[in-house]
Amino acid sequence: MGSRIVQIIEDEPLHADLLDRALRQAQFATTLAADGESGWRDAQRLLPSLILLDLMLPGLSGHEVCRLVRRTPSTRHIPIIMLT
């Protein structure tokens, strides 16, 4: 870990953009995913400091992504904030 990457998994472009802008202004690096599958792949690859996770996503739901993050040893330590 150690990075200050915040992963935003949000399928609504306006919401994703607002979160991205606010976090970048606060000097965080961000990464965006618009669906559960790509968000899960990115979480495994990037090991972000925090995941902002929408619950209603195309493909894998936010609940499913959360379960995968928590069940995987390399990602289970990542804090998740669920957005609804």
Foldseek 3Di string as FASTA:
>chain_A
DPAQEEEEAAQPVVVVVVVCVVVVVVVGHYDYHNALVVSLVCCLVPVHQEYEAEQPGPDDGSVRSLVVQCVDVSRNPRYYHYDD
